[in-house]
Amino acid sequence: MSLDDRVTDLESRLAFQDDTIQALNDVLVAQQRVVERLQLQMSALLKRQEEMAGQFATLEEEEAPPPHY
């Protein structure tokens, strides 16, 4: 294998690796966006759950009979 062939082979491998790295980076960026969106949704759900739990606690307190019964 001549030097020119080896250099050509290395250049072709480098180009393939660059394409692969770019594709992996694109996927990683997309997944990070999904994770951030899911974190925001989870925070909103937790806040909503806490609000609803507070409402149910208030209703339970109102429905309880007075202590002298």
N, C-alpha and C. Protein backbone atom coordinates (compact mmCIF):
# COMPACT_ATOMS: atom_id res chain seq x y z
N MET A 1 0.85 -1.17 0.00
CA MET A 1 0.00 0.00 0.00
C MET A 1 0.90 1.23 0.00
N SER A 2 0.67 2.08 -0.94
CA SER A 2 1.52 3.27 -1.08
C SER A 2 1.10 4.34 -0.07
N LEU A 3 1.97 5.28 0.10
CA LEU A 3 1.72 6.38 1.03
C LEU A 3 0.47 7.17 0.62
N ASP A 4 0.31 7.40 -0.66
CA ASP A 4 -0.87 8.13 -1.14
C ASP A 4 -2.17 7.37 -0.82
N ASP A 5 -2.13 6.06 -0.98
CA ASP A 5 -3.30 5.25 -0.66
C ASP A 5 -3.63 5.31 0.83
N ARG A 6 -2.58 5.26 1.64
CA ARG A 6 -2.78 5.31 3.09
C ARG A 6 -3.34 6.66 3.51
N VAL A 7 -2.84 7.74 2.95
CA VAL A 7 -3.34 9.08 3.27
C VAL A 7 -4.79 9.21 2.83
N THR A 8 -5.10 8.72 1.65
CA THR A 8 -6.47 8.77 1.14
C THR A 8 -7.41 7.98 2.06
N ASP A 9 -6.96 6.82 2.47
CA ASP A 9 -7.76 6.00 3.38
C ASP A 9 -8.00 6.73 4.71
N LEU A 10 -6.95 7.32 5.26
CA LEU A 10 -7.09 8.06 6.51
C LEU A 10 -8.02 9.27 6.36
N GLU A 11 -7.92 9.98 5.25
CA GLU A 11 -8.80 11.11 5.01
C GLU A 11 -10.26 10.67 4.89
N SER A 12 -10.48 9.55 4.25
CA SER A 12 -11.84 9.05 4.12
C SER A 12 -12.40 8.61 5.48
N ARG A 13 -11.58 7.97 6.29
CA ARG A 13 -12.02 7.59 7.64
C ARG A 13 -12.31 8.83 8.49
N LEU A 14 -11.49 9.83 8.37
CA LEU A 14 -11.69 11.06 9.13
C LEU A 14 -13.00 11.73 8.73
N ALA A 15 -13.28 11.78 7.45
CA ALA A 15 -14.53 12.38 6.98
C ALA A 15 -15.73 11.59 7.51
N PHE A 16 -15.65 10.26 7.50
CA PHE A 16 -16.73 9.43 8.02
C PHE A 16 -16.92 9.67 9.52
N GLN A 17 -15.81 9.77 10.26
CA GLN A 17 -15.90 10.01 11.70
C GLN A 17 -16.48 11.39 11.99
N ASP A 18 -16.12 12.38 11.21
CA ASP A 18 -16.69 13.72 11.38
C ASP A 18 -18.20 13.70 11.17
N ASP A 19 -18.65 12.98 10.15
CA ASP A 19 -20.09 12.87 9.90
C ASP A 19 -20.80 12.16 11.05
N THR A 20 -20.18 11.10 11.54
CA THR A 20 -20.76 10.34 12.65
C THR A 20 -20.85 11.20 13.91
N ILE A 21 -19.80 11.93 14.21
CA ILE A 21 -19.79 12.80 15.39
C ILE A 21 -20.86 13.87 15.26
N GLN A 22 -21.01 14.45 14.09
CA GLN A 22 -22.04 15.48 13.89
C GLN A 22 -23.44 14.90 14.07
N ALA A 23 -23.65 13.70 13.54
CA ALA A 23 -24.96 13.05 13.68
C ALA A 23 -25.25 12.75 15.15
N LEU A 24 -24.26 12.26 15.88
CA LEU A 24 -24.43 11.98 17.31
C LEU A 24 -24.70 13.27 18.09
N ASN A 25 -24.02 14.33 17.72
CA ASN A 25 -24.24 15.61 18.39
C ASN A 25 -25.65 16.11 18.15
N ASP A 26 -26.15 15.97 16.92
CA ASP A 26 -27.52 16.40 16.61
C ASP A 26 -28.54 15.63 17.44
N VAL A 27 -28.33 14.32 17.57
CA VAL A 27 -29.23 13.50 18.37
C VAL A 27 -29.16 13.91 19.84
N LEU A 28 -27.97 14.17 20.33
CA LEU A 28 -27.79 14.58 21.72
C LEU A 28 -28.48 15.90 22.01
N VAL A 29 -28.37 16.84 21.10
CA VAL A 29 -29.03 18.14 21.28
C VAL A 29 -30.55 17.96 21.30
N ALA A 30 -31.07 17.14 20.41
CA ALA A 30 -32.52 16.89 20.38
C ALA A 30 -32.98 16.23 21.67
N GLN A 31 -32.22 15.27 22.16
CA GLN A 31 -32.59 14.59 23.41
C GLN A 31 -32.53 15.56 24.59
N GLN A 32 -31.58 16.46 24.60
CA GLN A 32 -31.48 17.44 25.68
C GLN A 32 -32.71 18.34 25.69
N ARG A 33 -33.18 18.73 24.52
CA ARG A 33 -34.40 19.55 24.44
C ARG A 33 -35.59 18.78 24.99
N VAL A 34 -35.68 17.50 24.66
CA VAL A 34 -36.78 16.68 25.17
C VAL A 34 -36.70 16.58 26.69
N VAL A 35 -35.52 16.34 27.22
CA VAL A 35 -35.33 16.23 28.67
C VAL A 35 -35.73 17.53 29.36
N GLU A 36 -35.31 18.67 28.81
CA GLU A 36 -35.66 19.95 29.41
C GLU A 36 -37.18 20.17 29.39
N ARG A 37 -37.82 19.82 28.27
CA ARG A 37 -39.28 19.96 28.18
C ARG A 37 -39.97 19.05 29.20
N LEU A 38 -39.48 17.82 29.35
CA LEU A 38 -40.06 16.89 30.32
C LEU A 38 -39.86 17.38 31.75
N GLN A 39 -38.73 18.00 32.03
CA GLN A 39 -38.49 18.55 33.36
C GLN A 39 -39.48 19.67 33.67
N LEU A 40 -39.74 20.52 32.69
CA LEU A 40 -40.72 21.60 32.88
C LEU A 40 -42.11 21.03 33.11
N GLN A 41 -42.47 20.02 32.34
CA GLN A 41 -43.78 19.40 32.51
C GLN A 41 -43.90 18.74 33.88
N MET A 42 -42.83 18.09 34.31
CA MET A 42 -42.84 17.43 35.61
C MET A 42 -42.98 18.45 36.74
N SER A 43 -42.30 19.56 36.62
CA SER A 43 -42.42 20.62 37.62
C SER A 43 -43.85 21.15 37.68
N ALA A 44 -44.45 21.35 36.52
CA ALA A 44 -45.83 21.84 36.47
C ALA A 44 -46.78 20.83 37.09
N LEU A 45 -46.57 19.54 36.80
CA LEU A 45 -47.43 18.51 37.38
C LEU A 45 -47.27 18.42 38.89
N LEU A 46 -46.05 18.55 39.38
CA LEU A 46 -45.84 18.51 40.83
C LEU A 46 -46.51 19.69 41.51
N LYS A 47 -46.41 20.87 40.90
CA LYS A 47 -47.06 22.05 41.45
C LYS A 47 -48.57 21.87 41.48
N ARG A 48 -49.11 21.34 40.39
CA ARG A 48 -50.55 21.12 40.31
C ARG A 48 -51.00 20.09 41.34
N GLN A 49 -50.21 19.04 41.51
CA GLN A 49 -50.54 18.01 42.50
C GLN A 49 -50.53 18.58 43.91
N GLU A 50 -49.57 19.44 44.21
CA GLU A 50 -49.51 20.07 45.54
C GLU A 50 -50.72 20.96 45.77
N GLU A 51 -51.13 21.71 44.73
CA GLU A 51 -52.30 22.57 44.85
C GLU A 51 -53.56 21.73 45.09
N MET A 52 -53.68 20.63 44.36
CA MET A 52 -54.86 19.79 44.52
C MET A 52 -54.86 19.11 45.88
N ALA A 53 -53.70 18.72 46.36
CA ALA A 53 -53.62 18.09 47.68
C ALA A 53 -54.05 19.10 48.74
N GLY A 54 -53.67 20.35 48.58
CA GLY A 54 -54.09 21.39 49.52
C GLY A 54 -55.59 21.60 49.49
N GLN A 55 -56.20 21.53 48.32
CA GLN A 55 -57.65 21.69 48.22
C GLN A 55 -58.37 20.54 48.89
N PHE A 56 -57.88 19.32 48.71
CA PHE A 56 -58.52 18.17 49.34
C PHE A 56 -58.35 18.20 50.85
N ALA A 57 -57.22 18.67 51.32
CA ALA A 57 -57.01 18.78 52.76
C ALA A 57 -58.00 19.77 53.35
N THR A 58 -58.26 20.87 52.67
CA THR A 58 -59.21 21.87 53.14
C THR A 58 -60.62 21.28 53.17
N LEU A 59 -61.00 20.52 52.14
CA LEU A 59 -62.32 19.90 52.10
C LEU A 59 -62.49 18.88 53.22
N GLU A 60 -61.47 18.11 53.50
CA GLU A 60 -61.55 17.11 54.56
C GLU A 60 -61.71 17.77 55.92
N GLU A 61 -61.02 18.88 56.12
CA GLU A 61 -61.14 19.60 57.39
C GLU A 61 -62.56 20.14 57.58
N GLU A 62 -63.18 20.62 56.52
CA GLU A 62 -64.52 21.18 56.60
C GLU A 62 -65.55 20.10 56.83
N GLU A 63 -65.36 18.92 56.32
CA GLU A 63 -66.35 17.85 56.42
C GLU A 63 -66.24 17.07 57.73
N ALA A 64 -65.18 17.22 58.45
CA ALA A 64 -64.99 16.47 59.69
C ALA A 64 -65.98 16.98 60.74
N PRO A 65 -66.57 16.07 61.50
CA PRO A 65 -67.50 16.52 62.56
C PRO A 65 -66.74 17.25 63.68
N PRO A 66 -67.42 18.07 64.39
CA PRO A 66 -66.75 18.78 65.50
C PRO A 66 -66.24 17.75 66.53
N PRO A 67 -65.25 18.13 67.30
CA PRO A 67 -64.63 17.17 68.23
C PRO A 67 -65.56 16.64 69.31
N HIS A 68 -66.64 17.35 69.66
CA HIS A 68 -67.52 16.89 70.74
C HIS A 68 -68.51 15.82 70.31
N TYR A 69 -68.52 15.40 69.03
CA TYR A 69 -69.44 14.34 68.62
C TYR A 69 -68.89 12.99 68.94
